[in-house]
């Protein structure tokens, strides 16, 4: 089934009255139908002004109508639409981005040894739940090459040590560039990415084994067992130079009790990790995530 020609506009601007009408009116004047829209006015934090966020999904079939042709100066191209929208955005001091349903994101999956999130993401993508293309799988160990091979995905093993980390990350960035990747997913990639990598890479989504901050270091679920935790959770967030402190996209928990041993906590944690990561990736791919300082707004 062919992908419907739709565009998703993400807008962020200083809050003021009438913004919904201004943006909706832009598409009304073109005769372009809005098929979905949501917005939020974020309260001002200390030292910041209130901001308005809006997500607008439009049906591009309307661009073929005479009304759009007249309003866009005789052109019904996507570029003409973007140029016209940019004029409105500039008049409002807005930042904006647009993506198209028929131009899916290209995703790279970084892994180490744990396979649950890798399997889950690939299967969801193949079933049409995640609107993206998986460009390749990269790993610092060869353990999951057979998984990538089973789905006929390119697999690159780039071992890393403290001494070779800079060179290994340079190779990862070259792969990202060569394959035109615009989202990196750390599907249980057990390496800390440097700030240099994160500055040069497209957005990076990570999955963390708990609410942040949580049990750090080796064997987190064994630490949780020793502390008698009653909840096992996971957090998906954008990776930043501050370890596990990036803007949070999605979180969830499951109940635990005293009768559960560490292996049972691991199983429960694995389940919640893959669900939370998939939700976060889907929200990003559908352009529902707005980063507001250190937090996110999900529309």
Foldseek 3Di string as FASTA:
>chain_A
DDFFWKKKKKKKFFDDPPPVVLVVVVCVQLQWDWPDKDKDWAPDDVPGGIMIIMITMIGLVSLVDPSNCVVLVNDSDPVSVVVVVVVVCVVRVMDMDMDTLNDFAEEEEEAEADCLLVVLVVVCVVVVNASHHHQAYEYQDCNCVVVCVVVVGHYYHNHDDPVCLVVSLVVVLVSCVVSVHQEYEHSHHPDQDAQVSVVSHHWYKYKDWAPPPAQDDPLRLQVCLVVFDFKTKMWIATDHNPPPQAATQFMDIDTDGNVDDSVNSVVRSSVRRNVRSSVSSRQVRVVQWDDDDRYIGGD
